[in-house]
Amino acid sequence: MPEVDRLMRQALTGGVFPGAVLLVARGGEVLVHAAYGSANLYNHQPVTPATVFDLASLTKPLATTLAIMLLCQQGRLDPDERLAGVLPAAARSDKRHITIAQLLAHTSGLPDYRPYYRQVALLPESERRLRLRQFLLDEPLLHPPGAKVLYSDLDFMLLEWVVEAAADQRLDRFLAQQVYTPLQATHLFFIDRQRPAPPAAYAATEQCAWRGRLIEAEVHDENAHALGGVAGHAGLFGTAAAIHTILAELLAAYHGQPAAQLFRSDVVRRFWQPVPGAGKALGFDLPSTDHPSCGCFFPSDSIGHLGFTGTSFWIHRIQQLSVVLLTNRVHPSRDNIAIRQFRPQIHDALMSTLLI
């Protein structure tokens, strides 16, 4: 795909990102798996197909949502269940009537973001998660549950708590044992600050003013960092190949193919069903109606998500095409937002070739 390769190299010279991995697949067959540029501008470490990226908000669909899906499949959760039925602590708050589906679709009424880390990080490690969860319960709702859509990290902070309560196990451990290892996607993982980071070549992210150092092999998101690296909204690390393994499984399950190993077709179809009026599915994004990041060739029912660090995936469910783009666009600064214009261009170049 010479035009795709040209655009990727042009993005490097134009400063869209220092480095990237692009993976394109049809079903389980990888068509493109190419690496570009630098994982670290200071030591000139190159990006390779095996480079591990901080996936940022891809944690939401590829970690927390997968855990919810499997727990629903196992009969331990139901998307229509109210929060108070899973978390007794929520029964005394105005969050008690919020459903799991509303959290997944960002219609809970919670605000989009709060810098909880500024207070949480002052506490001993053992007290931080409990304090953050109390912040979540105390946070005033901006509007009644189900009334409006507002993309919110707080929704998925609560969902991590839901997973822990239903699974009786921490989110990262449940995923490693129940999802990633069975699917052989072991290059998807959280980095717990209490343990050494798994050996790998990592893409650096930001020169962080709050932490006073370059961030590499530790989570970029400050709220997730304050929690030790494991959170429902951010904290997942991985390679493009590992993401492809998950997307191929979901596509196979969606189409009822025997290649699906873990997820049932009815569960994937329920979670990929567009939520009326939300512009989202359960835990996944749909293309926006105005300048979609996946370009103009992905239909309105396509499934995907973006990550703040410069990561994304998009699935054309009928053509069974998936595109994974991992970049370190926040290296060395989050002020670089050129990827917003680049994402539609690269997806259009890819799809105009693949759909001929």
Protein backbone atom coordinates (compact mmCIF):
# COMPACT_ATOMS: atom_id res chain seq x y z
CA MET A 1 0.00 0.00 0.00
CA PRO A 2 2.38 2.73 -1.18
CA GLU A 3 0.00 5.61 -0.46
CA VAL A 4 -0.51 4.39 3.12
CA ASP A 5 3.24 4.04 3.60
CA ARG A 6 3.80 7.53 2.17
CA LEU A 7 1.26 9.07 4.55
CA MET A 8 2.79 7.32 7.56
CA ARG A 9 6.27 8.57 6.68
CA GLN A 10 4.92 12.04 5.96
CA ALA A 11 3.33 12.05 9.42
CA LEU A 12 6.75 11.36 10.97
CA THR A 13 8.46 14.21 9.14
CA GLY A 14 5.49 16.48 9.81
CA GLY A 15 5.64 15.86 13.55
CA VAL A 16 2.25 14.18 13.88
CA PHE A 17 3.92 11.58 16.12
CA PRO A 18 7.47 10.35 16.78
CA GLY A 19 6.60 6.70 16.15
CA ALA A 20 3.78 4.35 15.27
CA VAL A 21 2.68 0.81 14.49
CA LEU A 22 -0.06 0.23 11.94
CA LEU A 23 -1.84 -3.11 11.72
CA VAL A 24 -4.59 -3.90 9.23
CA ALA A 25 -6.42 -7.21 9.15
CA ARG A 26 -9.33 -8.93 7.46
CA GLY A 27 -10.80 -11.32 10.01
CA GLY A 28 -7.87 -13.25 11.41
CA GLU A 29 -5.55 -12.50 8.48
CA VAL A 30 -3.04 -9.68 8.97
CA LEU A 31 -2.60 -7.66 5.78
CA VAL A 32 -0.30 -4.91 7.07
CA HIS A 33 1.88 -4.82 10.18
CA ALA A 34 4.40 -2.00 9.88
CA ALA A 35 6.45 0.07 12.32
CA TYR A 36 7.62 3.65 11.88
CA GLY A 37 9.82 6.16 13.66
CA SER A 38 11.07 6.42 17.23
CA ALA A 39 9.77 4.98 20.47
CA ASN A 40 11.95 7.44 22.39
CA LEU A 41 13.26 10.68 20.90
CA TYR A 42 16.02 10.99 23.50
CA ASN A 43 17.76 7.64 23.07
CA HIS A 44 16.61 7.10 19.45
CA GLN A 45 15.09 3.71 20.20
CA PRO A 46 13.18 2.69 17.05
CA VAL A 47 9.61 1.47 17.01
CA THR A 48 9.24 -2.17 15.97
CA PRO A 49 6.08 -4.27 15.50
CA ALA A 50 6.71 -5.61 19.04
CA THR A 51 6.82 -2.16 20.69
CA VAL A 52 4.46 -1.87 23.66
CA PHE A 53 2.32 1.28 23.81
CA ASP A 54 0.36 2.91 26.62
CA LEU A 55 -3.13 2.33 25.25
CA ALA A 56 -4.81 5.01 27.40
CA SER A 57 -8.61 4.91 26.89
CA LEU A 58 -8.44 1.76 24.79
CA THR A 59 -8.48 0.32 28.33
CA LYS A 60 -12.21 1.03 28.34
CA PRO A 61 -13.21 -1.36 25.49
CA LEU A 62 -10.25 -3.77 25.57
CA ALA A 63 -10.11 -4.30 29.33
CA THR A 64 -13.06 -3.12 31.43
CA THR A 65 -15.74 -3.77 28.79
CA LEU A 66 -14.34 -7.21 27.97
CA ALA A 67 -14.46 -8.07 31.67
CA ILE A 68 -18.10 -6.89 31.89
CA MET A 69 -18.97 -8.90 28.76
CA LEU A 70 -17.50 -12.09 30.16
CA LEU A 71 -19.17 -11.58 33.55
CA CYS A 72 -22.50 -11.10 31.76
CA GLN A 73 -21.84 -14.24 29.74
CA GLN A 74 -21.15 -16.10 32.97
CA GLY A 75 -24.40 -14.86 34.49
CA ARG A 76 -22.70 -12.78 37.17
CA LEU A 77 -23.79 -9.39 35.79
CA ASP A 78 -26.53 -7.96 33.62
CA PRO A 79 -26.19 -4.72 31.62
CA ASP A 80 -29.59 -3.54 32.87
CA GLU A 81 -28.69 -4.10 36.51
CA ARG A 82 -28.66 -1.00 38.71
CA LEU A 83 -25.48 0.03 40.46
CA ALA A 84 -26.99 -0.43 43.92
CA GLY A 85 -27.58 -4.10 43.13
CA VAL A 86 -23.86 -4.68 42.58
CA LEU A 87 -22.28 -2.14 44.91
CA PRO A 88 -24.04 -1.89 48.29
CA ALA A 89 -22.10 1.32 49.01
CA ALA A 90 -23.91 2.99 46.08
CA ALA A 91 -27.35 2.29 47.58
CA ARG A 92 -27.07 5.38 49.79
CA SER A 93 -26.00 7.72 46.97
CA ASP A 94 -27.67 9.36 43.98
CA LYS A 95 -25.79 6.81 41.81
CA ARG A 96 -28.02 3.94 42.98
CA HIS A 97 -30.32 3.98 39.93
CA ILE A 98 -27.54 4.19 37.31
CA THR A 99 -27.40 0.99 35.27
CA ILE A 100 -24.27 -0.79 34.06
CA ALA A 101 -25.41 -0.11 30.49
CA GLN A 102 -25.62 3.62 31.20
CA LEU A 103 -22.07 3.60 32.52
CA LEU A 104 -20.90 1.70 29.42
CA ALA A 105 -22.71 4.14 27.09
CA HIS A 106 -21.61 7.28 28.99
CA THR A 107 -25.17 8.30 29.86
CA SER A 108 -24.77 8.02 33.63
CA GLY A 109 -24.94 11.75 34.33
CA LEU A 110 -21.43 11.87 35.78
CA PRO A 111 -18.94 14.55 34.69
CA ASP A 112 -16.30 13.73 32.11
CA TYR A 113 -13.18 14.13 34.27
CA ARG A 114 -11.97 15.10 37.70
CA PRO A 115 -8.30 15.44 38.79
CA TYR A 116 -8.75 13.17 41.80
CA TYR A 117 -5.04 12.29 41.72
CA ARG A 118 -4.11 15.61 43.31
CA GLN A 119 -5.71 14.53 46.57
CA VAL A 120 -5.45 10.75 46.22
CA ALA A 121 -1.69 10.82 45.64
CA LEU A 122 -1.18 12.44 49.04
CA LEU A 123 -2.50 9.34 50.81
CA PRO A 124 -0.73 6.05 51.59
CA GLU A 125 -1.00 3.58 48.71
CA SER A 126 -3.28 1.28 50.71
CA GLU A 127 -5.91 4.02 51.16
CA ARG A 128 -6.02 5.49 47.66
CA ARG A 129 -8.52 3.29 45.86
CA LEU A 130 -11.01 3.45 48.71
CA ARG A 131 -10.74 7.24 48.82
CA LEU A 132 -11.21 7.59 45.07
CA ARG A 133 -14.31 5.41 45.21
CA GLN A 134 -15.74 7.65 47.89
CA PHE A 135 -15.03 10.64 45.65
CA LEU A 136 -17.04 8.89 42.91
CA LEU A 137 -20.00 8.28 45.20
CA ASP A 138 -19.89 11.88 46.44
CA GLU A 139 -19.55 13.43 42.97
CA PRO A 140 -22.76 15.31 42.08
CA LEU A 141 -24.50 14.17 38.92
CA LEU A 142 -24.66 16.79 36.17
CA HIS A 143 -27.98 15.44 34.88
CA PRO A 144 -30.33 12.49 35.53
CA PRO A 145 -29.11 9.05 34.40
CA GLY A 146 -30.01 8.37 30.78
CA ALA A 147 -30.80 12.00 29.95
CA LYS A 148 -27.61 12.99 28.10
CA VAL A 149 -24.39 11.57 26.67
CA LEU A 150 -21.10 12.76 28.14
CA TYR A 151 -17.95 10.72 27.59
CA SER A 152 -16.63 10.14 31.10
CA ASP A 153 -13.60 8.56 32.71
CA LEU A 154 -15.62 8.41 35.91
CA ASP A 155 -18.07 5.95 34.34
CA PHE A 156 -15.27 3.44 33.85
CA MET A 157 -13.73 4.08 37.27
CA LEU A 158 -17.07 2.89 38.66
CA LEU A 159 -17.15 -0.04 36.24
CA GLU A 160 -13.77 -1.24 37.51
CA TRP A 161 -15.36 -1.38 40.96
CA VAL A 162 -18.32 -3.29 39.46
CA VAL A 163 -15.96 -5.87 37.91
CA GLU A 164 -14.09 -6.31 41.17
CA ALA A 165 -17.32 -6.82 43.12
CA ALA A 166 -18.80 -9.30 40.61
CA ALA A 167 -15.59 -11.24 39.97
CA ASP A 168 -14.27 -11.06 43.54
CA GLN A 169 -10.94 -10.32 41.90
CA ARG A 170 -8.98 -7.29 40.80
CA LEU A 171 -9.60 -6.14 37.22
CA ASP A 172 -6.09 -6.83 35.91
CA ARG A 173 -5.93 -10.31 37.42
CA PHE A 174 -9.39 -11.28 36.19
CA LEU A 175 -8.51 -10.20 32.64
CA ALA A 176 -5.14 -11.94 32.63
CA GLN A 177 -6.63 -15.22 33.80
CA GLN A 178 -10.02 -15.20 32.10
CA VAL A 179 -9.45 -13.29 28.84
CA TYR A 180 -5.91 -12.50 27.74
CA THR A 181 -4.23 -15.81 28.58
CA PRO A 182 -6.98 -18.00 27.08
CA LEU A 183 -6.86 -15.92 23.87
CA GLN A 184 -3.04 -15.86 23.89
CA ALA A 185 -3.08 -12.06 24.01
CA THR A 186 -0.50 -11.95 26.80
CA HIS A 187 1.02 -8.76 25.41
CA LEU A 188 -1.96 -6.91 26.84
CA PHE A 189 -1.35 -6.08 30.48
CA PHE A 190 -1.45 -3.49 33.25
CA ILE A 191 1.73 -2.31 34.96
CA ASP A 192 1.30 -2.45 38.72
CA ARG A 193 3.67 0.04 40.32
CA GLN A 194 4.31 -2.44 43.13
CA ARG A 195 5.99 -4.83 40.68
CA PRO A 196 8.63 -4.43 37.95
CA ALA A 197 7.23 -3.66 34.51
CA PRO A 198 7.20 -6.74 32.26
CA PRO A 199 10.34 -6.84 30.08
CA ALA A 200 9.55 -5.23 26.73
CA ALA A 201 10.45 -2.34 24.46
CA TYR A 202 8.11 0.49 25.49
CA ALA A 203 7.13 3.63 23.61
CA ALA A 204 7.79 6.70 25.75
CA THR A 205 4.96 9.15 26.37
CA GLU A 206 5.05 12.56 28.00
CA GLN A 207 7.66 14.62 29.79
CA CYS A 208 5.36 14.89 32.81
CA ALA A 209 5.41 18.15 34.75
CA TRP A 210 3.54 16.62 37.71
CA ARG A 211 5.94 13.69 38.11
CA GLY A 212 8.99 15.62 36.93
CA ARG A 213 10.25 12.93 34.54
CA LEU A 214 9.78 11.28 31.18
CA ILE A 215 7.04 8.65 31.34
CA GLU A 216 8.05 5.25 30.03
CA ALA A 217 6.79 1.81 31.12
CA GLU A 218 4.39 3.50 33.55
CA VAL A 219 0.87 4.75 32.93
CA HIS A 220 0.54 8.23 31.46
CA ASP A 221 -2.90 9.00 32.95
CA GLU A 222 -2.50 10.74 36.31
CA ASN A 223 -5.60 9.29 37.98
CA ALA A 224 -4.57 5.77 36.98
CA HIS A 225 -1.02 6.44 38.15
CA ALA A 226 -2.26 7.57 41.58
CA LEU A 227 -4.08 4.22 41.88
CA GLY A 228 -0.89 2.29 41.23
CA GLY A 229 -1.37 1.77 37.50
CA VAL A 230 -4.53 -0.36 37.43
CA ALA A 231 -7.78 1.44 36.63
CA GLY A 232 -10.94 0.95 34.61
CA HIS A 233 -10.50 3.98 32.38
CA ALA A 234 -6.74 3.78 31.62
CA GLY A 235 -3.66 1.73 32.40
CA LEU A 236 -3.67 -1.00 29.76
CA PHE A 237 -0.46 -1.52 27.76
CA GLY A 238 -0.09 -3.62 24.67
CA THR A 239 1.10 -4.32 21.16
CA ALA A 240 -0.84 -3.97 17.93
CA ALA A 241 -0.69 -7.75 17.41
CA ALA A 242 -2.27 -8.40 20.81
CA ILE A 243 -5.07 -5.96 20.05
CA HIS A 244 -5.63 -7.68 16.72
CA THR A 245 -6.02 -11.00 18.59
CA ILE A 246 -8.87 -9.50 20.63
CA LEU A 247 -10.54 -7.84 17.64
CA ALA A 248 -10.36 -11.06 15.59
CA GLU A 249 -12.01 -12.95 18.47
CA LEU A 250 -14.81 -10.39 18.75
CA LEU A 251 -15.39 -10.37 14.99
CA ALA A 252 -15.48 -14.16 14.85
CA ALA A 253 -17.95 -14.26 17.73
CA TYR A 254 -20.10 -11.51 16.19
CA HIS A 255 -20.40 -13.50 12.96
CA GLY A 256 -20.94 -16.81 14.79
CA GLN A 257 -17.78 -18.33 13.35
CA PRO A 258 -16.15 -21.42 14.90
CA ALA A 259 -12.89 -19.44 15.24
CA ALA A 260 -14.36 -17.69 18.30
CA GLN A 261 -12.88 -19.26 21.42
CA LEU A 262 -14.20 -17.28 24.36
CA PHE A 263 -17.09 -14.90 23.66
CA ARG A 264 -20.58 -15.89 22.55
CA SER A 265 -22.17 -14.31 19.51
CA ASP A 266 -25.24 -13.06 21.41
CA VAL A 267 -23.07 -11.26 23.98
CA VAL A 268 -20.91 -9.50 21.38
CA ARG A 269 -23.98 -8.52 19.38
CA ARG A 270 -25.67 -7.09 22.49
CA PHE A 271 -22.65 -4.96 23.35
CA TRP A 272 -22.10 -3.84 19.74
CA GLN A 273 -25.73 -2.80 19.30
CA PRO A 274 -25.91 1.00 18.90
CA VAL A 275 -27.51 2.64 21.94
CA PRO A 276 -30.42 4.80 20.67
CA GLY A 277 -29.59 8.49 20.85
CA ALA A 278 -26.12 7.93 22.34
CA GLY A 279 -23.93 7.57 19.26
CA LYS A 280 -22.21 4.72 21.08
CA ALA A 281 -22.44 1.01 21.72
CA LEU A 282 -21.92 -0.57 25.15
CA GLY A 283 -18.27 0.16 25.98
CA PHE A 284 -17.37 0.90 22.36
CA ASP A 285 -17.56 4.00 20.18
CA LEU A 286 -19.37 4.43 16.88
CA PRO A 287 -18.16 6.88 14.20
CA SER A 288 -19.10 10.45 15.03
CA THR A 289 -21.49 12.11 12.58
CA ASP A 290 -19.17 15.09 12.16
CA HIS A 291 -15.63 14.38 10.84
CA PRO A 292 -15.28 10.80 12.14
CA SER A 293 -11.75 9.78 13.09
CA CYS A 294 -12.12 6.61 10.99
CA GLY A 295 -12.72 8.61 7.81
CA CYS A 296 -15.58 8.32 5.36
CA PHE A 297 -15.40 4.62 4.36
CA PHE A 298 -16.41 3.09 7.70
CA PRO A 299 -20.22 2.78 7.99
CA SER A 300 -22.15 4.24 10.89
CA ASP A 301 -22.33 0.90 12.73
CA SER A 302 -18.54 0.47 12.79
CA ILE A 303 -16.99 -0.25 16.18
CA GLY A 304 -13.92 1.44 17.58
CA HIS A 305 -12.31 3.67 20.18
CA LEU A 306 -9.60 6.30 20.61
CA GLY A 307 -6.91 6.68 23.26
CA PHE A 308 -5.44 9.99 24.49
CA THR A 309 -1.84 8.89 23.93
CA GLY A 310 -2.47 8.53 20.18
CA THR A 311 -3.98 5.05 19.94
CA SER A 312 -7.07 3.78 18.15
CA PHE A 313 -8.80 0.84 16.54
CA TRP A 314 -11.74 0.65 14.13
CA ILE A 315 -13.71 -2.36 12.90
CA HIS A 316 -15.80 -2.56 9.74
CA ARG A 317 -17.98 -5.38 10.98
CA ILE A 318 -19.50 -6.42 7.62
CA GLN A 319 -16.21 -6.45 5.70
CA GLN A 320 -14.50 -7.89 8.82
CA LEU A 321 -11.75 -5.29 8.43
CA SER A 322 -9.92 -3.93 11.45
CA VAL A 323 -7.36 -1.13 11.66
CA VAL A 324 -5.13 -0.67 14.71
CA LEU A 325 -3.06 2.51 14.88
CA LEU A 326 -0.76 2.90 17.88
CA THR A 327 1.31 6.08 18.21
CA ASN A 328 3.13 8.00 20.93
CA ARG A 329 1.82 11.39 19.81
CA VAL A 330 2.07 12.76 23.40
CA HIS A 331 5.86 12.23 23.36
CA PRO A 332 7.23 14.55 24.56
CA SER A 333 4.13 16.76 24.99
CA ARG A 334 0.35 16.33 24.95
CA ASP A 335 0.08 19.70 23.22
CA ASN A 336 0.64 17.97 19.86
CA ILE A 337 -2.86 17.37 18.49
CA ALA A 338 -1.99 16.94 14.79
CA ILE A 339 -3.22 13.34 14.92
CA ARG A 340 -6.81 14.61 14.83
CA GLN A 341 -6.43 15.55 11.17
CA PHE A 342 -4.22 12.57 10.35
CA ARG A 343 -6.47 9.76 11.58
CA PRO A 344 -9.22 10.22 8.95
CA GLN A 345 -6.61 10.57 6.19
CA ILE A 346 -4.84 7.30 6.96
CA HIS A 347 -8.10 5.38 7.36
CA ASP A 348 -9.41 6.75 4.06
CA ALA A 349 -6.18 5.77 2.29
CA LEU A 350 -6.40 2.27 3.72
CA MET A 351 -10.03 1.68 3.00
CA SER A 352 -9.96 3.15 -0.51
CA THR A 353 -7.40 0.43 -1.30
CA LEU A 354 -9.05 -2.43 0.55
CA LEU A 355 -12.60 -1.82 -0.69
CA ILE A 356 -11.70 -1.62 -4.40
